[in-house]
Amino acid sequence: MNSRKIAAIVLIAAGVIGLVYGGFTYTQTTHDAKIGPLEFSVKDKETVNIPVWAGVGAIVLGGVLLLVRGKD
């Protein structure tokens, strides 16, 4: 299996995952404070949405890469 086919499979998988989940969430620590023996921290939960067109585009591009024959 060459690198073009591997990239195509990764693009298709990423596109499907993007369409299924629609985004991902991560936690970011924004403020830390230490006052004597007490420690405080503020954590913000951020959400990143993946557009539908990006998921569909990745699937289409992966399909094109699988179907196009390269120079062997």
Foldseek 3Di string as FASTA:
>chain_A
DDPLLVQLVVLLVVLVVCVVPQWDKDKDWDDWDDDPPDIDTDIDIDIDGDDNCSSVVSNVVSVVSVPDDDDD
